[in-house]
Amino acid sequence: MRQRVPEGGNIHGEGGVRDLARLAVLAGNYAVAHAVKLCRPHVIAAYPITPQTSIVEKIAEFVERRELDAKYIRVESEHSAMAALIGASAAGARTFTATSSQGLLYMHEAVWAAAGARLPIVMAVVTRAIFPPWSIWTDHSDLLAQRDTGWIIAMAEDNQEAFDLVIQAYRIAEDEGVLLPVMVGLDAFLLSHTATPVELLSQEEVDGFLPPRRSFSFLLDVERPVTMGNVAFPDHYMEFRYMIEEAMRRAREVIRRVDEEYRELTGRCYGGLVERYRCGGADVVVVLMGAWAGDAKECVDRLWEEGYRVGVARLRFVRPFPCEELRELCAGRRAVIVVDRSASFGSAGVLFTEVSSALQQLSVTVRGFVAGLGGRDVGAEDFEVMVKRVYSDLEEGRTESGAEWYGVRKEVVGCR
């Protein structure tokens, strides 16, 4: 009989259990690689780039050891990696790649092509700051720069969720009502190279959850030739784009359903598009995504003890953007604080802009902070400063919305 122990994690099953026989201590990149192996992809094409390299190295090892029956294509660039997967996916193969930062930017043209062709490719993006200057550390600029491409975009908080999201991503992408590619983001080094316990699944369990990819009429087939990527004149082009919009809307319900079915399989449920933490009775909600949500939750636990009623809304998916969930969650709050690890220069943080748009019909103050760019450390004490600053402004009657950069050393850049 397997030894089992109670588990009290907020997203890994209150009152549930973790099976010690299934636990492995894995860095986030290796957790992703193990999940990919269990999903039985037919084709992997990749080009190495820090900090994602160990994902595709581990998958190459699985293929070399014949633990994974797949074609591994060693390409000369990230653009070529996506081009190879577009062809493979169009022929009916289940596919995977991984990249980061400049690699994702180099791939950008083909990223659009994959979504436009409605190909259910899954790609891990280990989020890393954008050059110049060079940085190998995390921020979310690379991932969020893809938000208009037509890809579904998810972001993990920890290594367990990174593992789970990859498996869920294939179910979502290959759903006949969706048929869109999916990016699974995880923070560079904070997750990618940090080892934590991960509860794995058996091959039989994943096979039961994720059936083989189905065939569709528009796939390449020598017996039924079709043309892909042809010209669309103005009286047809808009309809092609609208079909992607409709698929993205349908994906909302598919994401919720897949998350619930995954709970039935594993006992782990993440809340669909948005995870809510201590939001019941809160008058201020902090909205963010990624690994630093753990620091925000630690801060919130402390602040409740001090009498501050604060919750966390962690965005698991930013495409489709959870507008309805946020409007429901934020209605009646005194303020919403959006913390971005990215910036849209000349505007504000990317998430701040999105959240403000979603909440524009609510009479709620929305305050934004751009922080942690290039991997600058942001801990629970920093979230405490942000929250208390907003509370202080509210008490003094300053309820206007707006965004600011947090932690910038203005004496270094010469700002006044």
Protein backbone atom coordinates (compact mmCIF):
# COMPACT_ATOMS: atom_id res chain seq x y z
CA MET A 1 0.00 0.00 0.00
CA ARG A 2 1.34 3.41 -0.96
CA GLN A 3 2.13 5.83 1.81
CA ARG A 4 -0.04 8.94 1.68
CA VAL A 5 0.14 12.15 3.65
CA PRO A 6 -2.26 15.07 4.11
CA GLU A 7 -1.62 18.15 2.03
CA GLY A 8 -2.75 21.66 2.84
CA GLY A 9 -1.64 23.72 -0.17
CA ASN A 10 -4.13 26.33 -1.33
CA ILE A 11 -4.13 25.19 -4.95
CA HIS A 12 -3.09 21.58 -4.59
CA GLY A 13 -6.15 20.38 -2.75
CA GLU A 14 -7.34 21.58 0.64
CA GLY A 15 -7.78 18.50 2.77
CA GLY A 16 -6.43 16.35 -0.04
CA VAL A 17 -3.43 14.05 -0.13
CA ARG A 18 -0.23 13.66 -2.08
CA ASP A 19 1.00 10.21 -3.01
CA LEU A 20 4.62 9.91 -1.87
CA ALA A 21 5.30 7.14 -4.39
CA ARG A 22 4.53 9.61 -7.20
CA LEU A 23 6.63 12.48 -5.87
CA ALA A 24 9.80 13.53 -7.65
CA VAL A 25 11.96 16.52 -6.83
CA LEU A 26 12.21 18.31 -10.17
CA ALA A 27 13.27 21.68 -11.48
CA GLY A 28 10.48 23.39 -13.39
CA ASN A 29 12.09 22.64 -16.75
CA TYR A 30 12.31 18.94 -15.94
CA ALA A 31 8.70 18.95 -14.72
CA VAL A 32 7.67 20.31 -18.12
CA ALA A 33 9.78 17.69 -19.92
CA HIS A 34 8.21 14.84 -17.94
CA ALA A 35 4.73 16.17 -18.71
CA VAL A 36 5.56 16.38 -22.41
CA LYS A 37 6.76 12.77 -22.42
CA LEU A 38 3.50 11.61 -20.85
CA CYS A 39 1.52 13.44 -23.56
CA ARG A 40 3.17 11.32 -26.30
CA PRO A 41 4.02 14.01 -28.87
CA HIS A 42 5.03 12.78 -32.32
CA VAL A 43 7.36 15.65 -33.26
CA ILE A 44 9.56 17.96 -31.18
CA ALA A 45 11.52 20.73 -32.89
CA ALA A 46 13.64 23.09 -30.83
CA TYR A 47 16.64 25.38 -30.68
CA PRO A 48 18.43 25.89 -27.34
CA ILE A 49 18.28 29.19 -25.50
CA THR A 50 18.83 30.01 -21.83
CA PRO A 51 16.86 29.41 -19.63
CA GLN A 52 14.68 26.87 -21.44
CA THR A 53 17.47 24.65 -22.81
CA SER A 54 17.20 21.91 -20.21
CA ILE A 55 13.57 21.27 -21.23
CA VAL A 56 14.47 20.19 -24.73
CA GLU A 57 17.70 18.52 -23.58
CA LYS A 58 15.70 16.29 -21.24
CA ILE A 59 13.17 15.51 -23.98
CA ALA A 60 16.03 14.65 -26.35
CA GLU A 61 17.31 12.30 -23.66
CA PHE A 62 13.88 10.64 -23.43
CA VAL A 63 13.88 10.14 -27.21
CA GLU A 64 17.46 8.84 -27.25
CA ARG A 65 16.64 6.31 -24.51
CA ARG A 66 13.46 5.33 -26.37
CA GLU A 67 11.32 6.35 -23.44
CA LEU A 68 9.48 8.61 -25.89
CA ASP A 69 8.64 7.47 -29.42
CA ALA A 70 8.96 10.78 -31.26
CA LYS A 71 10.86 12.55 -34.02
CA TYR A 72 13.25 15.11 -32.54
CA ILE A 73 14.29 17.77 -35.08
CA ARG A 74 17.43 19.76 -34.29
CA VAL A 75 16.85 22.98 -36.17
CA GLU A 76 19.07 25.99 -36.78
CA SER A 77 16.80 28.63 -35.23
CA GLU A 78 13.59 29.23 -33.31
CA HIS A 79 11.86 30.40 -36.48
CA SER A 80 12.73 27.07 -38.08
CA ALA A 81 11.48 25.22 -35.00
CA MET A 82 8.02 26.71 -35.32
CA ALA A 83 8.03 26.26 -39.10
CA ALA A 84 8.80 22.57 -38.66
CA LEU A 85 5.99 22.17 -36.14
CA ILE A 86 3.53 23.98 -38.39
CA GLY A 87 4.17 21.38 -41.09
CA ALA A 88 4.05 18.47 -38.66
CA SER A 89 0.91 19.68 -36.93
CA ALA A 90 -0.78 20.36 -40.26
CA ALA A 91 -0.14 16.71 -41.13
CA GLY A 92 -1.84 15.58 -37.92
CA ALA A 93 1.08 15.17 -35.51
CA ARG A 94 1.01 16.16 -31.85
CA THR A 95 3.88 18.62 -31.46
CA PHE A 96 5.94 20.52 -28.88
CA THR A 97 8.66 23.13 -28.62
CA ALA A 98 10.08 25.48 -25.99
CA THR A 99 11.78 28.85 -26.11
CA SER A 100 12.50 32.09 -24.24
CA SER A 101 13.01 35.80 -24.78
CA GLN A 102 14.89 36.59 -28.02
CA GLY A 103 14.09 33.12 -29.32
CA LEU A 104 10.38 33.80 -29.01
CA LEU A 105 10.80 37.17 -30.71
CA TYR A 106 12.73 35.54 -33.56
CA MET A 107 9.90 32.99 -33.84
CA HIS A 108 7.22 35.70 -33.85
CA GLU A 109 6.30 35.58 -37.55
CA ALA A 110 5.71 31.84 -37.43
CA VAL A 111 3.82 32.15 -34.13
CA TRP A 112 1.15 34.11 -35.99
CA ALA A 113 1.09 31.50 -38.74
CA ALA A 114 0.48 28.64 -36.30
CA ALA A 115 -2.56 30.33 -34.78
CA GLY A 116 -3.92 31.47 -38.13
CA ALA A 117 -3.73 27.91 -39.41
CA ARG A 118 -5.59 26.67 -36.29
CA LEU A 119 -2.86 24.21 -35.32
CA PRO A 120 -2.92 22.85 -31.72
CA ILE A 121 0.81 23.18 -31.02
CA VAL A 122 1.94 23.38 -27.39
CA MET A 123 4.97 25.51 -26.50
CA ALA A 124 6.64 26.14 -23.15
CA VAL A 125 7.92 29.69 -22.71
CA VAL A 126 10.41 30.14 -19.89
CA THR A 127 9.89 33.85 -19.41
CA ARG A 128 13.01 35.98 -19.67
CA ALA A 129 13.69 39.71 -20.06
CA ILE A 130 14.19 41.22 -23.51
CA PHE A 131 17.47 42.60 -24.95
CA PRO A 132 18.93 45.29 -24.76
CA PRO A 133 20.58 45.20 -22.29
CA TRP A 134 21.17 41.48 -22.06
CA SER A 135 19.43 39.73 -19.19
CA ILE A 136 18.84 36.04 -18.62
CA TRP A 137 16.51 36.63 -15.66
CA THR A 138 12.77 36.62 -15.53
CA ASP A 139 10.14 39.06 -16.50
CA HIS A 140 6.98 38.58 -18.53
CA SER A 141 7.68 40.85 -21.49
CA ASP A 142 8.40 38.02 -23.94
CA LEU A 143 5.24 36.07 -23.16
CA LEU A 144 2.91 39.06 -23.09
CA ALA A 145 4.32 40.41 -26.36
CA GLN A 146 2.51 37.46 -27.99
CA ARG A 147 -0.91 38.33 -26.60
CA ASP A 148 -2.43 39.35 -29.95
CA THR A 149 -1.18 36.40 -32.00
CA GLY A 150 -4.17 34.11 -31.47
CA TRP A 151 -2.41 31.74 -29.06
CA ILE A 152 -3.96 30.71 -25.77
CA ILE A 153 -1.51 31.89 -23.08
CA ALA A 154 -1.20 30.35 -19.61
CA MET A 155 1.23 31.04 -16.76
CA ALA A 156 2.22 28.68 -13.93
CA GLU A 157 2.81 29.66 -10.32
CA ASP A 158 4.95 26.66 -9.36
CA ASN A 159 6.55 23.52 -10.78
CA GLN A 160 3.53 21.35 -10.02
CA GLU A 161 1.28 23.65 -11.98
CA ALA A 162 3.79 23.81 -14.85
CA PHE A 163 3.60 20.01 -15.07
CA ASP A 164 -0.19 20.03 -14.88
CA LEU A 165 -0.63 22.90 -17.35
CA VAL A 166 1.28 21.11 -20.10
CA ILE A 167 -1.06 18.13 -19.89
CA GLN A 168 -4.11 20.39 -19.73
CA ALA A 169 -2.77 22.46 -22.64
CA TYR A 170 -2.99 19.57 -25.09
CA ARG A 171 -6.59 18.83 -24.06
CA ILE A 172 -7.50 22.48 -24.53
CA ALA A 173 -5.62 23.01 -27.79
CA GLU A 174 -6.95 19.84 -29.44
CA ASP A 175 -10.58 20.36 -28.43
CA GLU A 176 -12.57 20.47 -31.66
CA GLY A 177 -14.25 23.69 -30.54
CA VAL A 178 -10.89 25.40 -29.98
CA LEU A 179 -8.07 24.16 -32.25
CA LEU A 180 -5.66 26.89 -31.20
CA PRO A 181 -2.02 26.64 -30.08
CA VAL A 182 -1.17 27.10 -26.40
CA MET A 183 1.81 28.70 -24.65
CA VAL A 184 2.61 27.55 -21.12
CA GLY A 185 4.73 30.13 -19.31
CA LEU A 186 6.97 29.62 -16.29
CA ASP A 187 9.38 32.08 -14.68
CA ALA A 188 13.07 31.80 -15.52
CA PHE A 189 15.18 30.36 -12.69
CA LEU A 190 12.50 31.00 -10.03
CA LEU A 191 10.81 27.90 -11.44
CA SER A 192 12.86 26.66 -14.38
CA HIS A 193 15.99 25.83 -12.38
CA THR A 194 14.55 25.53 -8.86
CA ALA A 195 13.76 21.98 -7.73
CA THR A 196 10.60 21.29 -5.72
CA PRO A 197 8.42 18.21 -5.15
CA VAL A 198 6.17 17.42 -8.11
CA GLU A 199 3.49 14.74 -8.07
CA LEU A 200 3.72 12.86 -11.36
CA LEU A 201 1.02 10.89 -13.13
CA SER A 202 1.24 7.44 -14.65
CA GLN A 203 1.20 6.93 -18.40
CA GLU A 204 -2.14 5.15 -18.08
CA GLU A 205 -3.69 8.10 -16.26
CA VAL A 206 -2.53 10.61 -18.86
CA ASP A 207 -3.63 8.35 -21.72
CA GLY A 208 -7.10 8.24 -20.17
CA PHE A 209 -7.20 12.01 -19.76
CA LEU A 210 -5.62 12.88 -23.12
CA PRO A 211 -6.80 10.74 -26.04
CA PRO A 212 -4.85 10.58 -29.32
CA ARG A 213 -5.17 13.65 -31.49
CA ARG A 214 -8.22 13.47 -33.75
CA SER A 215 -8.11 13.97 -37.52
CA PHE A 216 -9.82 17.00 -39.07
CA SER A 217 -10.84 17.75 -42.63
CA PHE A 218 -8.32 20.54 -43.16
CA LEU A 219 -5.25 18.46 -42.31
CA LEU A 220 -2.70 17.76 -45.01
CA ASP A 221 -3.42 14.44 -46.70
CA VAL A 222 -1.98 13.21 -50.00
CA GLU A 223 -5.25 11.41 -50.65
CA ARG A 224 -7.28 14.62 -50.16
CA PRO A 225 -5.08 17.56 -51.22
CA VAL A 226 -5.89 20.96 -49.72
CA THR A 227 -4.21 24.36 -49.85
CA MET A 228 -3.11 26.03 -46.63
CA GLY A 229 -2.04 29.64 -46.18
CA ASN A 230 -3.38 30.94 -49.48
CA VAL A 231 -4.30 34.56 -50.13
CA ALA A 232 -7.58 35.90 -48.69
CA PHE A 233 -9.14 38.91 -50.37
CA PRO A 234 -10.76 41.70 -48.34
CA ASP A 235 -14.22 40.12 -48.58
CA HIS A 236 -12.97 36.98 -46.78
CA TYR A 237 -9.97 37.91 -44.59
CA MET A 238 -11.98 39.35 -41.71
CA GLU A 239 -14.04 36.18 -41.35
CA PHE A 240 -10.87 34.12 -40.91
CA ARG A 241 -9.80 36.37 -38.03
CA TYR A 242 -13.27 36.30 -36.49
CA MET A 243 -13.18 32.50 -36.41
CA ILE A 244 -10.08 32.75 -34.20
CA GLU A 245 -11.96 35.16 -31.93
CA GLU A 246 -14.88 32.74 -31.66
CA ALA A 247 -12.52 29.86 -30.88
CA MET A 248 -10.86 31.94 -28.16
CA ARG A 249 -14.27 32.64 -26.62
CA ARG A 250 -15.16 28.95 -26.66
CA ALA A 251 -11.82 28.20 -25.03
CA ARG A 252 -13.00 29.87 -21.81
CA GLU A 253 -15.49 27.13 -21.07
CA VAL A 254 -13.13 24.42 -22.29
CA ILE A 255 -10.44 25.66 -19.85
CA ARG A 256 -12.92 25.53 -16.97
CA ARG A 257 -14.11 22.06 -17.92
CA VAL A 258 -10.60 20.66 -18.39
CA ASP A 259 -9.54 22.08 -15.02
CA GLU A 260 -12.50 20.38 -13.34
CA GLU A 261 -11.84 17.06 -15.08
CA TYR A 262 -8.21 17.31 -14.02
CA ARG A 263 -9.38 17.77 -10.44
CA GLU A 264 -11.31 14.52 -10.72
CA LEU A 265 -8.13 12.81 -11.92
CA THR A 266 -5.58 14.32 -9.53
CA GLY A 267 -7.40 16.19 -6.76
CA ARG A 268 -5.74 19.41 -7.95
CA CYS A 269 -7.98 22.25 -9.10
CA TYR A 270 -6.61 25.68 -9.96
CA GLY A 271 -9.78 27.70 -10.45
CA GLY A 272 -10.09 27.75 -14.23
CA LEU A 273 -8.80 31.00 -15.67
CA VAL A 274 -8.27 32.76 -12.32
CA GLU A 275 -7.14 31.40 -8.97
CA ARG A 276 -8.67 33.23 -5.99
CA TYR A 277 -6.83 33.42 -2.67
CA ARG A 278 -8.46 34.88 0.47
CA CYS A 279 -10.75 37.06 -1.62
CA GLY A 280 -13.81 36.37 0.51
CA GLY A 281 -14.47 39.51 2.54
CA ALA A 282 -11.49 41.35 1.06
CA ASP A 283 -11.88 45.03 0.22
CA VAL A 284 -8.66 45.15 -1.85
CA VAL A 285 -7.61 42.54 -4.42
CA VAL A 286 -4.09 42.14 -5.83
CA VAL A 287 -4.05 40.92 -9.46
CA LEU A 288 -0.91 39.37 -10.95
CA MET A 289 0.46 36.25 -12.63
CA GLY A 290 3.42 33.92 -12.25
CA ALA A 291 5.71 32.65 -9.51
CA TRP A 292 5.69 35.79 -7.38
CA ALA A 293 2.05 35.07 -6.55
CA GLY A 294 3.48 32.97 -3.72
CA ASP A 295 5.13 36.07 -2.24
CA ALA A 296 1.88 37.99 -2.64
CA LYS A 297 -0.01 35.27 -0.76
CA GLU A 298 2.55 35.31 2.03
CA CYS A 299 2.09 39.08 2.27
CA VAL A 300 -1.70 38.75 2.32
CA ASP A 301 -1.55 36.24 5.18
CA ARG A 302 0.46 38.73 7.25
CA LEU A 303 -1.79 41.66 6.38
CA TRP A 304 -4.96 39.86 7.45
CA GLU A 305 -3.36 39.45 10.88
CA GLU A 306 -2.82 43.23 10.94
CA GLY A 307 -6.43 43.93 9.99
CA TYR A 308 -6.00 44.57 6.27
CA ARG A 309 -8.58 42.70 4.22
CA VAL A 310 -6.65 41.78 1.08
CA GLY A 311 -6.98 38.95 -1.43
CA VAL A 312 -5.03 37.73 -4.45
CA ALA A 313 -6.44 37.02 -7.91
CA ARG A 314 -3.81 35.11 -9.85
CA LEU A 315 -4.31 35.07 -13.60
CA ARG A 316 -3.66 31.54 -14.87
CA PHE A 317 -4.63 32.54 -18.40
CA VAL A 318 -4.16 35.92 -20.06
CA ARG A 319 -5.56 34.71 -23.38
CA PRO A 320 -8.43 34.33 -23.34
CA PHE A 321 -8.46 37.19 -20.86
CA PRO A 322 -10.77 36.48 -17.88
CA CYS A 323 -12.86 39.65 -18.13
CA GLU A 324 -16.05 38.14 -16.69
CA GLU A 325 -14.26 36.50 -13.78
CA LEU A 326 -12.46 39.72 -12.86
CA ARG A 327 -15.61 41.84 -13.07
CA GLU A 328 -17.41 39.42 -10.78
CA LEU A 329 -14.46 39.17 -8.41
CA CYS A 330 -13.68 42.90 -8.21
CA ALA A 331 -17.20 44.32 -8.00
CA GLY A 332 -17.74 46.15 -4.73
CA ARG A 333 -14.05 46.30 -3.74
CA ARG A 334 -12.42 49.50 -2.58
CA ALA A 335 -9.44 49.01 -4.87
CA VAL A 336 -7.74 46.61 -7.25
CA ILE A 337 -3.92 46.52 -7.32
CA VAL A 338 -2.34 45.17 -10.51
CA VAL A 339 1.33 44.19 -10.28
CA ASP A 340 3.09 43.78 -13.64
CA ARG A 341 6.38 42.14 -14.49
CA SER A 342 6.22 43.81 -17.90
CA ALA A 343 5.76 47.31 -19.27
CA SER A 344 4.06 48.77 -22.33
CA PHE A 345 6.24 51.84 -22.79
CA GLY A 346 4.30 55.08 -22.95
CA SER A 347 1.28 53.41 -21.39
CA ALA A 348 1.53 51.23 -18.26
CA GLY A 349 1.96 47.60 -17.32
CA VAL A 350 0.37 45.20 -19.79
CA LEU A 351 -1.88 43.55 -17.19
CA PHE A 352 -2.82 46.93 -15.73
CA THR A 353 -4.10 48.03 -19.13
CA GLU A 354 -6.05 44.79 -19.60
CA VAL A 355 -7.54 44.79 -16.11
CA SER A 356 -8.48 48.48 -16.31
CA SER A 357 -10.31 47.82 -19.57
CA ALA A 358 -12.17 44.85 -18.10
CA LEU A 359 -13.24 46.84 -15.02
CA GLN A 360 -14.06 50.15 -16.71
CA GLN A 361 -17.78 49.84 -15.94
CA LEU A 362 -17.14 49.28 -12.22
CA SER A 363 -16.68 52.14 -9.78
CA VAL A 364 -13.46 50.74 -8.37
CA THR A 365 -10.00 52.27 -8.05
CA VAL A 366 -7.41 50.40 -10.13
CA ARG A 367 -3.78 51.01 -9.16
CA GLY A 368 -0.86 49.52 -11.05
CA PHE A 369 2.78 48.83 -10.22
CA VAL A 370 5.46 47.85 -12.74
CA ALA A 371 8.07 45.87 -10.80
CA GLY A 372 10.62 43.10 -10.99
CA LEU A 373 11.83 43.70 -14.54
CA GLY A 374 14.97 41.82 -15.53
CA GLY A 375 14.62 39.52 -12.54
CA ARG A 376 14.85 42.21 -9.85
CA ASP A 377 13.77 40.60 -6.61
CA VAL A 378 10.28 41.38 -5.37
CA GLY A 379 9.30 39.73 -2.11
CA ALA A 380 6.43 39.71 0.36
CA GLU A 381 7.73 42.89 2.00
CA ASP A 382 7.50 44.71 -1.36
CA PHE A 383 3.90 43.65 -1.86
CA GLU A 384 3.22 44.91 1.66
CA VAL A 385 4.61 48.33 0.72
CA MET A 386 2.40 48.47 -2.38
CA VAL A 387 -0.75 47.43 -0.54
CA LYS A 388 -0.21 49.80 2.38
CA ARG A 389 0.52 52.67 0.01
CA VAL A 390 -2.81 52.13 -1.73
CA TYR A 391 -4.63 51.83 1.60
CA SER A 392 -3.02 55.09 2.75
CA ASP A 393 -4.15 56.84 -0.43
CA LEU A 394 -7.69 55.55 0.01
CA GLU A 395 -7.83 56.76 3.61
CA GLU A 396 -6.69 60.20 2.46
CA GLY A 397 -9.37 60.33 -0.23
CA ARG A 398 -7.09 59.74 -3.22
CA THR A 399 -9.15 57.26 -5.21
CA GLU A 400 -7.97 58.01 -8.74
CA SER A 401 -6.68 55.12 -10.84
CA GLY A 402 -3.17 55.06 -12.26
CA ALA A 403 0.11 53.18 -12.56
CA GLU A 404 3.68 53.72 -11.40
CA TRP A 405 7.06 52.00 -11.52
CA TYR A 406 8.07 50.41 -8.23
CA GLY A 407 11.64 50.12 -7.01
CA VAL A 408 13.33 52.22 -9.70
CA ARG A 409 16.55 53.81 -8.42
CA LYS A 410 15.92 57.23 -9.87
CA GLU A 411 19.28 58.56 -8.75
CA VAL A 412 20.89 56.07 -11.16
CA VAL A 413 18.90 57.17 -14.20
CA GLY A 414 18.94 60.85 -13.30
CA CYS A 415 15.18 61.19 -12.79
CA ARG A 416 13.79 63.85 -10.49
